[in-house]
C-alpha atoms as a PDB file:
ATOM      1  CA  MET A   1      19.840  29.039-184.052  1.00  0.00           C
ATOM      2  CA  ALA A   2      23.586  28.377-183.946  1.00  0.00           C
ATOM      3  CA  THR A   3      24.785  25.843-181.398  1.00  0.00           C
ATOM      4  CA  SER A   4      27.527  27.211-179.154  1.00  0.00           C
ATOM      5  CA  ILE A   5      30.690  25.141-178.899  1.00  0.00           C
ATOM      6  CA  PRO A   6      31.513  23.935-175.359  1.00  0.00           C
ATOM      7  CA  TYR A   7      34.166  26.148-173.796  1.00  0.00           C
ATOM      8  CA  SER A   8      36.646  23.309-173.272  1.00  0.00           C
ATOM      9  CA  LYS A   9      36.363  22.288-176.919  1.00  0.00           C
ATOM     10  CA  GLN A  10      36.751  25.904-178.072  1.00  0.00           C
ATOM     11  CA  ILE A  11      39.912  26.246-175.970  1.00  0.00           C
ATOM     12  CA  ASN A  12      41.286  23.018-177.473  1.00  0.00           C
ATOM     13  CA  ILE A  13      40.688  24.400-180.965  1.00  0.00           C
ATOM     14  CA  GLU A  14      42.410  27.671-180.105  1.00  0.00           C
ATOM     15  CA  ASN A  15      45.352  25.866-178.487  1.00  0.00           C
ATOM     16  CA  THR A  16      45.761  23.588-181.506  1.00  0.00           C
ATOM     17  CA  GLU A  17      45.857  26.585-183.849  1.00  0.00           C
ATOM     18  CA  ARG A  18      48.291  28.391-181.573  1.00  0.00           C
ATOM     19  CA  LEU A  19      50.655  25.420-181.366  1.00  0.00           C
ATOM     20  CA  ARG A  20      50.607  25.002-185.155  1.00  0.00           C
ATOM     21  CA  ASP A  21      51.545  28.666-185.567  1.00  0.00           C
ATOM     22  CA  LEU A  22      54.425  28.214-183.120  1.00  0.00           C
ATOM     23  CA  LEU A  23      55.647  25.033-184.831  1.00  0.00           C
ATOM     24  CA  ALA A  24      55.930  26.992-188.085  1.00  0.00           C
ATOM     25  CA  THR A  25      58.658  29.053-186.376  1.00  0.00           C
ATOM     26  CA  LEU A  26      60.635  25.995-185.187  1.00  0.00           C
ATOM     27  CA  PRO A  27      62.868  23.480-187.009  1.00  0.00           C
ATOM     28  CA  PRO A  28      60.920  20.694-188.797  1.00  0.00           C
ATOM     29  CA  PHE A  29      62.193  17.961-186.462  1.00  0.00           C
ATOM     30  CA  CYS A  30      60.357  19.632-183.577  1.00  0.00           C
ATOM     31  CA  LYS A  31      57.037  18.424-184.999  1.00  0.00           C
ATOM     32  CA  GLU A  32      58.104  14.857-184.233  1.00  0.00           C
ATOM     33  CA  TYR A  33      58.899  15.831-180.648  1.00  0.00           C
ATOM     34  CA  PHE A  34      55.525  17.494-180.052  1.00  0.00           C
ATOM     35  CA  ARG A  35      53.657  14.562-181.576  1.00  0.00           C
ATOM     36  CA  GLY A  36      55.609  12.242-179.295  1.00  0.00           C
ATOM     37  CA  ILE A  37      54.805  14.070-176.058  1.00  0.00           C
ATOM     38  CA  GLU A  38      51.159  14.768-176.877  1.00  0.00           C
ATOM     39  CA  PRO A  39      49.684  11.721-175.049  1.00  0.00           C
ATOM     40  CA  ARG A  40      51.239  12.717-171.709  1.00  0.00           C
ATOM     41  CA  THR A  41      51.082  16.512-171.786  1.00  0.00           C
ATOM     42  CA  SER A  42      48.366  19.157-171.910  1.00  0.00           C
ATOM     43  CA  ALA A  43      48.013  21.542-174.823  1.00  0.00           C
ATOM     44  CA  ARG A  44      49.041  24.392-172.546  1.00  0.00           C
ATOM     45  CA  THR A  45      52.259  22.584-171.569  1.00  0.00           C
ATOM     46  CA  ARG A  46      53.134  21.943-175.219  1.00  0.00           C
ATOM     47  CA  ILE A  47      52.568  25.607-176.064  1.00  0.00           C
ATOM     48  CA  ASN A  48      54.875  26.659-173.206  1.00  0.00           C
ATOM     49  CA  TYR A  49      57.518  24.174-174.385  1.00  0.00           C
ATOM     50  CA  ALA A  50      57.285  25.585-177.914  1.00  0.00           C
ATOM     51  CA  TYR A  51      57.825  29.133-176.638  1.00  0.00           C
ATOM     52  CA  ASP A  52      60.768  27.933-174.547  1.00  0.00           C
ATOM     53  CA  LEU A  53      62.416  26.108-177.470  1.00  0.00           C
ATOM     54  CA  ARG A  54      62.028  29.112-179.741  1.00  0.00           C
ATOM     55  CA  LEU A  55      63.643  31.281-177.081  1.00  0.00           C
ATOM     56  CA  PHE A  56      66.541  28.795-176.848  1.00  0.00           C
ATOM     57  CA  PHE A  57      67.111  28.886-180.614  1.00  0.00           C
ATOM     58  CA  LEU A  58      66.961  32.703-180.629  1.00  0.00           C
ATOM     59  CA  PHE A  59      69.619  32.742-177.904  1.00  0.00           C
ATOM     60  CA  LEU A  60      71.883  30.444-179.926  1.00  0.00           C
ATOM     61  CA  ILE A  61      71.536  32.698-182.965  1.00  0.00           C
ATOM     62  CA  SER A  62      72.472  35.782-180.936  1.00  0.00           C
ATOM     63  CA  ALA A  63      75.236  34.263-178.792  1.00  0.00           C
ATOM     64  CA  ASN A  64      76.876  31.516-180.846  1.00  0.00           C
ATOM     65  CA  PRO A  65      78.859  32.607-183.956  1.00  0.00           C
ATOM     66  CA  THR A  66      78.177  29.218-185.569  1.00  0.00           C
ATOM     67  CA  PHE A  67      74.494  30.058-185.883  1.00  0.00           C
ATOM     68  CA  LYS A  68      74.602  33.833-186.527  1.00  0.00           C
ATOM     69  CA  THR A  69      73.207  33.399-190.085  1.00  0.00           C
ATOM     70  CA  TYR A  70      70.414  31.044-188.971  1.00  0.00           C
ATOM     71  CA  ASP A  71      66.778  31.687-188.286  1.00  0.00           C
ATOM     72  CA  THR A  72      64.829  29.535-185.833  1.00  0.00           C
ATOM     73  CA  THR A  73      63.658  27.101-188.540  1.00  0.00           C
ATOM     74  CA  LYS A  74      67.151  26.229-189.862  1.00  0.00           C
ATOM     75  CA  PHE A  75      68.546  24.202-186.964  1.00  0.00           C
ATOM     76  CA  THR A  76      69.144  20.483-187.453  1.00  0.00           C
ATOM     77  CA  LEU A  77      69.660  17.669-184.997  1.00  0.00           C
ATOM     78  CA  ASP A  78      73.325  17.665-186.050  1.00  0.00           C
ATOM     79  CA  ASP A  79      73.521  21.261-184.811  1.00  0.00           C
ATOM     80  CA  ILE A  80      71.934  20.270-181.508  1.00  0.00           C
ATOM     81  CA  GLU A  81      74.412  17.392-181.195  1.00  0.00           C
ATOM     82  CA  LYS A  82      77.304  19.877-181.170  1.00  0.00           C
ATOM     83  CA  LEU A  83      76.009  21.757-178.133  1.00  0.00           C
ATOM     84  CA  GLU A  84      77.511  21.193-174.684  1.00  0.00           C
ATOM     85  CA  SER A  85      76.300  21.742-171.154  1.00  0.00           C
ATOM     86  CA  VAL A  86      78.101  25.106-171.053  1.00  0.00           C
ATOM     87  CA  ASP A  87      75.818  26.349-173.851  1.00  0.00           C
ATOM     88  CA  ILE A  88      72.786  25.566-171.717  1.00  0.00           C
ATOM     89  CA  GLU A  89      74.360  27.162-168.644  1.00  0.00           C
ATOM     90  CA  GLU A  90      75.032  30.336-170.652  1.00  0.00           C
ATOM     91  CA  TYR A  91      71.424  30.248-171.857  1.00  0.00           C
ATOM     92  CA  LEU A  92      70.119  30.119-168.287  1.00  0.00           C
ATOM     93  CA  GLU A  93      72.374  33.016-167.331  1.00  0.00           C
ATOM     94  CA  HIS A  94      71.056  34.970-170.335  1.00  0.00           C
ATOM     95  CA  LEU A  95      67.467  34.361-169.214  1.00  0.00           C
ATOM     96  CA  LYS A  96      67.991  36.209-165.947  1.00  0.00           C
ATOM     97  CA  LEU A  97      67.869  39.478-167.914  1.00  0.00           C
ATOM     98  CA  TYR A  98      67.374  39.813-171.665  1.00  0.00           C
ATOM     99  CA  GLU A  99      65.725  42.020-174.251  1.00  0.00           C
ATOM    100  CA  GLY A 100      62.706  40.539-175.997  1.00  0.00           C
ATOM    101  CA  SER A 101      61.634  41.023-179.609  1.00  0.00           C
ATOM    102  CA  ASN A 102      59.344  43.824-178.446  1.00  0.00           C
ATOM    103  CA  GLY A 103      62.311  45.776-177.090  1.00  0.00           C
ATOM    104  CA  LYS A 104      61.249  45.244-173.465  1.00  0.00           C
ATOM    105  CA  MET A 105      63.532  43.745-170.860  1.00  0.00           C
ATOM    106  CA  HIS A 106      62.517  40.367-169.446  1.00  0.00           C
ATOM    107  CA  THR A 107      63.644  38.523-166.340  1.00  0.00           C
ATOM    108  CA  ASN A 108      63.299  35.015-164.929  1.00  0.00           C
ATOM    109  CA  ASP A 109      63.435  33.982-161.295  1.00  0.00           C
ATOM    110  CA  ALA A 110      64.456  30.489-160.160  1.00  0.00           C
ATOM    111  CA  ARG A 111      60.990  29.122-160.957  1.00  0.00           C
ATOM    112  CA  GLY A 112      61.089  30.482-164.501  1.00  0.00           C
ATOM    113  CA  LEU A 113      64.619  29.143-165.061  1.00  0.00           C
ATOM    114  CA  GLN A 114      63.582  25.760-163.728  1.00  0.00           C
ATOM    115  CA  ARG A 115      60.647  25.534-166.136  1.00  0.00           C
ATOM    116  CA  LYS A 116      62.777  26.472-169.134  1.00  0.00           C
ATOM    117  CA  LEU A 117      65.446  23.951-168.197  1.00  0.00           C
ATOM    118  CA  SER A 118      62.717  21.327-167.791  1.00  0.00           C
ATOM    119  CA  SER A 119      61.575  22.121-171.338  1.00  0.00           C
ATOM    120  CA  LEU A 120      65.090  21.525-172.674  1.00  0.00           C
ATOM    121  CA  ARG A 121      65.495  18.336-170.653  1.00  0.00           C
ATOM    122  CA  SER A 122      62.249  16.958-172.080  1.00  0.00           C
ATOM    123  CA  PHE A 123      63.374  17.897-175.608  1.00  0.00           C
ATOM    124  CA  TYR A 124      66.797  16.282-175.254  1.00  0.00           C
ATOM    125  CA  HIS A 125      65.386  13.210-173.497  1.00  0.00           C
ATOM    126  CA  TYR A 126      62.950  12.539-176.331  1.00  0.00           C
ATOM    127  CA  PHE A 127      65.586  12.487-179.082  1.00  0.00           C
ATOM    128  CA  ASN A 128      68.255  10.835-176.937  1.00  0.00           C
ATOM    129  CA  LYS A 129      65.873   8.009-176.021  1.00  0.00           C
ATOM    130  CA  ARG A 130      65.159   7.426-179.710  1.00  0.00           C
ATOM    131  CA  GLN A 131      68.913   7.461-180.447  1.00  0.00           C
ATOM    132  CA  LEU A 132      68.615  10.515-182.684  1.00  0.00           C
ATOM    133  CA  LEU A 133      70.921  12.388-180.301  1.00  0.00           C
ATOM    134  CA  LYS A 134      73.948  10.614-178.838  1.00  0.00           C
ATOM    135  CA  SER A 135      74.202  12.725-175.709  1.00  0.00           C
ATOM    136  CA  ASN A 136      72.030  14.734-173.360  1.00  0.00           C
ATOM    137  CA  PRO A 137      74.027  17.657-171.925  1.00  0.00           C
ATOM    138  CA  SER A 138      70.919  19.106-170.250  1.00  0.00           C
ATOM    139  CA  ILE A 139      71.128  16.524-167.448  1.00  0.00           C
ATOM    140  CA  LEU A 140      74.611  17.848-166.571  1.00  0.00           C
ATOM    141  CA  VAL A 141      73.152  21.258-165.770  1.00  0.00           C
ATOM    142  CA  ASP A 142      71.949  21.657-162.195  1.00  0.00           C
ATOM    143  CA  MET A 143      68.307  22.543-161.768  1.00  0.00           C
ATOM    144  CA  PRO A 144      67.919  26.016-160.192  1.00  0.00           C
ATOM    145  CA  LYS A 145      67.049  25.713-156.520  1.00  0.00           C
ATOM    146  CA  LEU A 146      63.615  26.878-155.489  1.00  0.00           C
ATOM    147  CA  HIS A 147      63.200  28.474-152.094  1.00  0.00           C
ATOM    148  CA  ASP A 148      60.083  27.494-150.210  1.00  0.00           C
ATOM    149  CA  LYS A 149      57.515  30.253-150.301  1.00  0.00           C
ATOM    150  CA  GLU A 150      54.815  30.785-147.742  1.00  0.00           C
ATOM    151  CA  ILE A 151      51.343  30.220-149.143  1.00  0.00           C
ATOM    152  CA  ILE A 152      49.586  33.540-149.597  1.00  0.00           C
ATOM    153  CA  ARG A 153      45.981  33.292-148.459  1.00  0.00           C
ATOM    154  CA  LEU A 154      43.265  35.384-146.901  1.00  0.00           C
ATOM    155  CA  ASP A 155      42.656  35.202-143.171  1.00  0.00           C
ATOM    156  CA  TYR A 156      39.140  34.696-141.800  1.00  0.00           C
ATOM    157  CA  ASP A 157      38.534  38.408-141.206  1.00  0.00           C
ATOM    158  CA  GLU A 158      39.872  39.257-144.671  1.00  0.00           C
ATOM    159  CA  ILE A 159      37.462  36.779-146.270  1.00  0.00           C
ATOM    160  CA  ALA A 160      34.546  38.479-144.525  1.00  0.00           C
ATOM    161  CA  ASP A 161      35.865  41.930-145.471  1.00  0.00           C
ATOM    162  CA  LEU A 162      36.221  40.903-149.112  1.00  0.00           C
ATOM    163  CA  LEU A 163      32.672  39.564-149.369  1.00  0.00           C
ATOM    164  CA  ASP A 164      31.293  42.627-147.570  1.00  0.00           C
ATOM    165  CA  LEU A 165      33.188  44.892-149.953  1.00  0.00           C
ATOM    166  CA  VAL A 166      31.779  43.144-153.035  1.00  0.00           C
ATOM    167  CA  GLU A 167      28.279  43.281-151.584  1.00  0.00           C
ATOM    168  CA  HIS A 168      28.246  46.816-150.161  1.00  0.00           C
ATOM    169  CA  GLY A 169      31.420  48.556-151.369  1.00  0.00           C
ATOM    170  CA  GLY A 170      29.579  50.561-154.001  1.00  0.00           C
ATOM    171  CA  ASP A 171      26.839  51.907-151.766  1.00  0.00           C
ATOM    172  CA  SER A 172      28.556  55.299-151.535  1.00  0.00           C
ATOM    173  CA  LEU A 173      29.413  55.552-155.241  1.00  0.00           C
ATOM    174  CA  THR A 174      27.707  57.955-157.620  1.00  0.00           C
ATOM    175  CA  GLY A 175      27.293  58.442-161.352  1.00  0.00           C
ATOM    176  CA  MET A 176      28.544  55.867-163.838  1.00  0.00           C
ATOM    177  CA  LYS A 177      30.681  54.150-161.197  1.00  0.00           C
ATOM    178  CA  LYS A 178      27.508  53.447-159.239  1.00  0.00           C
ATOM    179  CA  VAL A 179      25.714  52.196-162.367  1.00  0.00           C
ATOM    180  CA  TYR A 180      28.603  49.864-163.258  1.00  0.00           C
ATOM    181  CA  TYR A 181      28.881  48.587-159.673  1.00  0.00           C
ATOM    182  CA  ASP A 182      25.149  47.853-159.375  1.00  0.00           C
ATOM    183  CA  LYS A 183      25.081  46.141-162.758  1.00  0.00           C
ATOM    184  CA  ASN A 184      27.848  43.699-161.821  1.00  0.00           C
ATOM    185  CA  LYS A 185      27.536  43.361-158.033  1.00  0.00           C
ATOM    186  CA  ILE A 186      25.469  40.161-157.984  1.00  0.00           C
ATOM    187  CA  ARG A 187      27.667  38.520-160.623  1.00  0.00           C
ATOM    188  CA  ASN A 188      30.901  39.532-158.893  1.00  0.00           C
ATOM    189  CA  LEU A 189      29.656  38.275-155.540  1.00  0.00           C
ATOM    190  CA  ALA A 190      28.745  34.922-157.119  1.00  0.00           C
ATOM    191  CA  ILE A 191      32.199  34.592-158.707  1.00  0.00           C
ATOM    192  CA  ILE A 192      34.193  35.412-155.579  1.00  0.00           C
ATOM    193  CA  THR A 193      31.919  33.309-153.356  1.00  0.00           C
ATOM    194  CA  LEU A 194      32.360  30.406-155.763  1.00  0.00           C
ATOM    195  CA  PHE A 195      36.154  30.709-155.668  1.00  0.00           C
ATOM    196  CA  LEU A 196      36.197  30.888-151.879  1.00  0.00           C
ATOM    197  CA  GLY A 197      33.633  28.115-151.433  1.00  0.00           C
ATOM    198  CA  THR A 198      34.968  25.509-153.874  1.00  0.00           C
ATOM    199  CA  GLY A 199      38.648  26.229-154.605  1.00  0.00           C
ATOM    200  CA  ILE A 200      38.195  25.844-158.358  1.00  0.00           C
ATOM    201  CA  ARG A 201      40.740  27.252-160.785  1.00  0.00           C
ATOM    202  CA  VAL A 202      40.013  30.380-162.798  1.00  0.00           C
ATOM    203  CA  SER A 203      39.983  28.349-166.034  1.00  0.00           C
ATOM    204  CA  GLU A 204      37.436  25.987-164.491  1.00  0.00           C
ATOM    205  CA  CYS A 205      35.264  28.914-163.396  1.00  0.00           C
ATOM    206  CA  VAL A 206      35.416  30.612-166.793  1.00  0.00           C
ATOM    207  CA  GLY A 207      34.435  27.352-168.490  1.00  0.00           C
ATOM    208  CA  LEU A 208      31.239  26.835-166.481  1.00  0.00           C
ATOM    209  CA  ASP A 209      27.975  26.623-168.433  1.00  0.00           C
ATOM    210  CA  LEU A 210      24.482  27.074-167.032  1.00  0.00           C
ATOM    211  CA  ASP A 211      23.770  23.344-167.263  1.00  0.00           C
ATOM    212  CA  ASP A 212      26.934  22.563-165.284  1.00  0.00           C
ATOM    213  CA  ILE A 213      25.180  23.769-162.113  1.00  0.00           C
ATOM    214  CA  ASP A 214      23.311  20.992-160.295  1.00  0.00           C
ATOM    215  CA  PHE A 215      21.299  22.605-157.506  1.00  0.00           C
ATOM    216  CA  LYS A 216      19.600  19.305-156.663  1.00  0.00           C
ATOM    217  CA  ASN A 217      22.914  17.904-155.425  1.00  0.00           C
ATOM    218  CA  ASN A 218      24.654  21.255-154.813  1.00  0.00           C
ATOM    219  CA  ARG A 219      27.530  20.553-157.162  1.00  0.00           C
ATOM    220  CA  ILE A 220      29.131  21.881-160.333  1.00  0.00           C
ATOM    221  CA  LYS A 221      30.634  19.953-163.221  1.00  0.00           C
ATOM    222  CA  ILE A 222      34.031  21.297-164.231  1.00  0.00           C
ATOM    223  CA  VAL A 223      36.747  20.375-166.712  1.00  0.00           C
ATOM    224  CA  ARG A 224      40.080  19.866-164.960  1.00  0.00           C
ATOM    225  CA  LYS A 225      43.539  20.237-166.441  1.00  0.00           C
ATOM    226  CA  GLY A 226      43.995  17.669-169.183  1.00  0.00           C
ATOM    227  CA  GLY A 227      40.286  17.662-170.049  1.00  0.00           C
ATOM    228  CA  LYS A 228      39.074  15.402-167.236  1.00  0.00           C
ATOM    229  CA  GLU A 229      35.506  16.078-166.072  1.00  0.00           C
ATOM    230  CA  ASP A 230      34.926  16.263-162.333  1.00  0.00           C
ATOM    231  CA  PHE A 231      32.246  17.282-159.836  1.00  0.00           C
ATOM    232  CA  VAL A 232      32.842  19.779-157.034  1.00  0.00           C
ATOM    233  CA  TYR A 233      30.288  20.224-154.262  1.00  0.00           C
ATOM    234  CA  PHE A 234      29.315  23.533-152.685  1.00  0.00           C
ATOM    235  CA  GLY A 235      27.621  24.747-149.523  1.00  0.00           C
ATOM    236  CA  ASN A 236      24.686  27.001-148.754  1.00  0.00           C
ATOM    237  CA  GLU A 237      26.494  30.306-149.218  1.00  0.00           C
ATOM    238  CA  VAL A 238      27.633  29.365-152.712  1.00  0.00           C
ATOM    239  CA  GLU A 239      24.152  28.031-153.517  1.00  0.00           C
ATOM    240  CA  GLU A 240      22.560  31.323-152.461  1.00  0.00           C
ATOM    241  CA  ALA A 241      25.048  33.444-154.427  1.00  0.00           C
ATOM    242  CA  LEU A 242      24.675  31.357-157.600  1.00  0.00           C
ATOM    243  CA  THR A 243      20.879  31.189-157.370  1.00  0.00           C
ATOM    244  CA  ASN A 244      20.630  34.931-156.875  1.00  0.00           C
ATOM    245  CA  TYR A 245      22.939  35.633-159.821  1.00  0.00           C
ATOM    246  CA  ILE A 246      21.151  33.279-162.210  1.00  0.00           C
ATOM    247  CA  GLU A 247      17.617  34.350-161.283  1.00  0.00           C
ATOM    248  CA  VAL A 248      18.170  38.102-160.949  1.00  0.00           C
ATOM    249  CA  ASN A 249      21.046  38.832-163.313  1.00  0.00           C
ATOM    250  CA  ARG A 250      21.964  36.054-165.733  1.00  0.00           C
ATOM    251  CA  ASN A 251      18.429  35.228-166.894  1.00  0.00           C
ATOM    252  CA  ALA A 252      17.844  38.890-167.725  1.00  0.00           C
ATOM    253  CA  ILE A 253      20.761  38.973-170.222  1.00  0.00           C
ATOM    254  CA  THR A 254      20.560  38.006-173.897  1.00  0.00           C
ATOM    255  CA  PRO A 255      24.034  36.595-174.612  1.00  0.00           C
ATOM    256  CA  LYS A 256      25.924  37.097-177.842  1.00  0.00           C
ATOM    257  CA  THR A 257      25.743  34.300-180.381  1.00  0.00           C
ATOM    258  CA  GLY A 258      28.027  31.462-179.353  1.00  0.00           C
ATOM    259  CA  HIS A 259      27.894  32.390-175.671  1.00  0.00           C
ATOM    260  CA  GLU A 260      24.332  31.315-174.898  1.00  0.00           C
ATOM    261  CA  ASN A 261      25.333  28.634-172.389  1.00  0.00           C
ATOM    262  CA  ALA A 262      28.080  30.536-170.551  1.00  0.00           C
ATOM    263  CA  LEU A 263      27.382  30.991-166.847  1.00  0.00           C
ATOM    264  CA  PHE A 264      29.385  34.159-166.241  1.00  0.00           C
ATOM    265  CA  LEU A 265      29.011  36.894-168.854  1.00  0.00           C
ATOM    266  CA  SER A 266      30.941  40.124-169.330  1.00  0.00           C
ATOM    267  CA  ILE A 267      29.299  43.497-169.890  1.00  0.00           C
ATOM    268  CA  GLN A 268      29.712  42.730-173.602  1.00  0.00           C
ATOM    269  CA  ARG A 269      27.366  39.732-173.072  1.00  0.00           C
ATOM    270  CA  SER A 270      30.095  37.216-173.930  1.00  0.00           C
ATOM    271  CA  ARG A 271      31.779  34.614-171.738  1.00  0.00           C
ATOM    272  CA  MET A 272      34.137  36.218-169.253  1.00  0.00           C
ATOM    273  CA  THR A 273      37.836  35.666-169.892  1.00  0.00           C
ATOM    274  CA  PRO A 274      40.393  34.414-167.339  1.00  0.00           C
ATOM    275  CA  ARG A 275      42.056  37.847-167.416  1.00  0.00           C
ATOM    276  CA  ALA A 276      38.761  39.588-166.609  1.00  0.00           C
ATOM    277  CA  MET A 277      38.186  37.327-163.599  1.00  0.00           C
ATOM    278  CA  GLU A 278      41.756  37.798-162.405  1.00  0.00           C
ATOM    279  CA  ASN A 279      41.397  41.584-162.646  1.00  0.00           C
ATOM    280  CA  LEU A 280      38.078  41.421-160.806  1.00  0.00           C
ATOM    281  CA  VAL A 281      39.550  39.503-157.857  1.00  0.00           C
ATOM    282  CA  THR A 282      42.710  41.612-157.713  1.00  0.00           C
ATOM    283  CA  GLU A 283      40.775  44.895-157.808  1.00  0.00           C
ATOM    284  CA  TYR A 284      38.533  43.998-154.879  1.00  0.00           C
ATOM    285  CA  ALA A 285      41.198  42.207-152.830  1.00  0.00           C
ATOM    286  CA  SER A 286      43.638  45.118-153.125  1.00  0.00           C
ATOM    287  CA  GLN A 287      41.117  47.215-151.198  1.00  0.00           C
ATOM    288  CA  VAL A 288      41.007  44.644-148.397  1.00  0.00           C
ATOM    289  CA  THR A 289      44.746  44.022-148.003  1.00  0.00           C
ATOM    290  CA  THR A 290      47.679  45.943-149.426  1.00  0.00           C
ATOM    291  CA  LEU A 291      50.251  43.482-148.090  1.00  0.00           C
ATOM    292  CA  LYS A 292      49.066  40.475-150.137  1.00  0.00           C
ATOM    293  CA  HIS A 293      48.681  40.182-153.892  1.00  0.00           C
ATOM    294  CA  ILE A 294      45.460  38.180-154.087  1.00  0.00           C
ATOM    295  CA  THR A 295      44.517  36.373-157.293  1.00  0.00           C
ATOM    296  CA  PRO A 296      41.950  33.628-158.003  1.00  0.00           C
ATOM    297  CA  HIS A 297      44.724  31.120-157.290  1.00  0.00           C
ATOM    298  CA  LYS A 298      45.238  32.684-153.857  1.00  0.00           C
ATOM    299  CA  LEU A 299      41.500  32.276-153.197  1.00  0.00           C
ATOM    300  CA  ARG A 300      41.994  28.616-154.143  1.00  0.00           C
ATOM    301  CA  SER A 301      44.787  28.420-151.553  1.00  0.00           C
ATOM    302  CA  THR A 302      42.482  30.105-149.042  1.00  0.00           C
ATOM    303  CA  TYR A 303      39.844  27.433-149.612  1.00  0.00           C
ATOM    304  CA  GLY A 304      42.402  24.609-149.398  1.00  0.00           C
ATOM    305  CA  THR A 305      43.728  26.025-146.132  1.00  0.00           C
ATOM    306  CA  SER A 306      40.249  26.299-144.628  1.00  0.00           C
ATOM    307  CA  LEU A 307      39.363  22.764-145.689  1.00  0.00           C
ATOM    308  CA  TYR A 308      42.578  21.322-144.252  1.00  0.00           C
ATOM    309  CA  ARG A 309      42.182  23.193-140.970  1.00  0.00           C
ATOM    310  CA  GLU A 310      38.606  21.924-140.612  1.00  0.00           C
ATOM    311  CA  THR A 311      39.241  18.289-141.600  1.00  0.00           C
ATOM    312  CA  GLY A 312      42.976  17.601-141.146  1.00  0.00           C
ATOM    313  CA  ASP A 313      42.592  15.299-144.172  1.00  0.00           C
ATOM    314  CA  ILE A 314      45.276  16.099-146.758  1.00  0.00           C
ATOM    315  CA  TYR A 315      43.959  13.408-149.109  1.00  0.00           C
ATOM    316  CA  LEU A 316      40.520  15.021-149.127  1.00  0.00           C
ATOM    317  CA  VAL A 317      42.094  18.404-149.874  1.00  0.00           C
ATOM    318  CA  ALA A 318      44.072  16.877-152.760  1.00  0.00           C
ATOM    319  CA  GLU A 319      40.954  15.238-154.184  1.00  0.00           C
ATOM    320  CA  VAL A 320      38.755  18.323-153.928  1.00  0.00           C
ATOM    321  CA  LEU A 321      41.406  20.602-155.427  1.00  0.00           C
ATOM    322  CA  GLY A 322      42.044  18.141-158.254  1.00  0.00           C
ATOM    323  CA  HIS A 323      45.727  17.511-157.524  1.00  0.00           C
ATOM    324  CA  ASN A 324      46.962  14.424-159.382  1.00  0.00           C
ATOM    325  CA  ASP A 325      49.691  13.833-156.799  1.00  0.00           C
ATOM    326  CA  VAL A 326      48.940  14.166-153.083  1.00  0.00           C
ATOM    327  CA  ASN A 327      52.602  15.045-152.532  1.00  0.00           C
ATOM    328  CA  THR A 328      51.905  18.329-154.321  1.00  0.00           C
ATOM    329  CA  THR A 329      49.228  19.059-151.741  1.00  0.00           C
ATOM    330  CA  LYS A 330      51.455  18.014-148.845  1.00  0.00           C
ATOM    331  CA  LYS A 331      54.194  20.340-150.071  1.00  0.00           C
ATOM    332  CA  HIS A 332      51.806  23.297-150.281  1.00  0.00           C
ATOM    333  CA  TYR A 333      50.278  22.768-146.856  1.00  0.00           C
ATOM    334  CA  ALA A 334      53.317  21.511-144.923  1.00  0.00           C
ATOM    335  CA  ALA A 335      53.422  24.758-142.934  1.00  0.00           C
ATOM    336  CA  LEU A 336      49.942  24.036-141.616  1.00  0.00           C
ATOM    337  CA  ASP A 337      51.180  20.725-140.225  1.00  0.00           C
ATOM    338  CA  GLU A 338      53.756  22.657-138.222  1.00  0.00           C
ATOM    339  CA  GLU A 339      50.957  24.938-137.051  1.00  0.00           C
ATOM    340  CA  ARG A 340      48.959  21.935-135.868  1.00  0.00           C
ATOM    341  CA  LYS A 341      51.986  20.472-134.094  1.00  0.00           C
ATOM    342  CA  ARG A 342      52.632  23.729-132.237  1.00  0.00           C
ATOM    343  CA  ALA A 343      48.974  23.891-131.245  1.00  0.00           C
ATOM    344  CA  ALA A 344      49.107  20.288-129.996  1.00  0.00           C
ATOM    345  CA  ALA A 345      52.100  21.083-127.790  1.00  0.00           C
ATOM    346  CA  LYS A 346      50.116  23.797-126.007  1.00  0.00           C
ATOM    347  CA  VAL A 347      47.221  21.441-125.250  1.00  0.00           C
ATOM    348  CA  VAL A 348      49.243  19.114-123.005  1.00  0.00           C
ATOM    349  CA  LYS A 349      49.605  20.469-119.458  1.00  0.00           C
ATOM    350  CA  LEU A 350      52.172  18.971-117.106  1.00  0.00           C
ATOM    351  CA  ARG A 351      50.966  20.801-114.014  1.00  0.00           C
ATOM    352  CA  GLU A 352      47.747  22.407-113.077  1.00  0.00           C
ATOM    353  CA  PRO A 353      48.088  26.199-112.957  1.00  0.00           C
END
């Protein structure tokens, strides 16, 4: 019997192949850059940087007469040396609305522009630090300003409505819709309960294997960003949902070869994909609230909010959510601090009514 490859290892293999394919479309000197940043970046980050660099070279070919006969593999460091900050500013302006290779129009908001400028800054910094580029014009370009966005999360009543919908929303269905709903109800309830009860990321949920569930200690073993293993504990509601799914649903399925250990299986009997889980959450949540676009990440925010409101411990929230920097957590939940301050002001009475 074939041994299935752990999900995290399979993803690493796929990411390595993907990055190699992307590097084949970039100038040869880029390989040195990606080797240099490998120890301090994730595979996903390097893939995003590669896409961003290719987009930058495509822009130069289309907008700069000097490079109109080039393809993306022909650039040299001498070519990069000739660029000025105005070239990067024009690139960022171009990114606000441009036509992709597929003929579709693409846009970037401030967050997208910031990420692409960060990619260029990292690229320039690497070669400038090693004295292969004399200057770094990217640092002369102002980083696009991000406006603080309110965290989108479910309220208490919306959480209850969502779980009720997953559990009973198909009771009035008929035909194949009823068959499909009944077949997946227990699994879907386990997935959404797990998101709401642990705050794990969709990639962490997809990567769970059967032997990652420790019911003795009510915890799951997950692989965080960067490949670090961690344990996340869960309560009684998550325990009940997982137990029910495994005993009633999962154990009755014969998985496809290579997916024997996967916890959550699709109707094709293979490990569920991140996209499938995202669609699952969005489909159910859209029936609960039309004013909020709820994704697995928003369920993660919902859990973080609930945990912070119950404990008031931002360091605990950071640890449980797997944030490497507690300042990231503080930034996300700063609005809740204001909420707590307003509540505190109402507690103090100066005169008896």
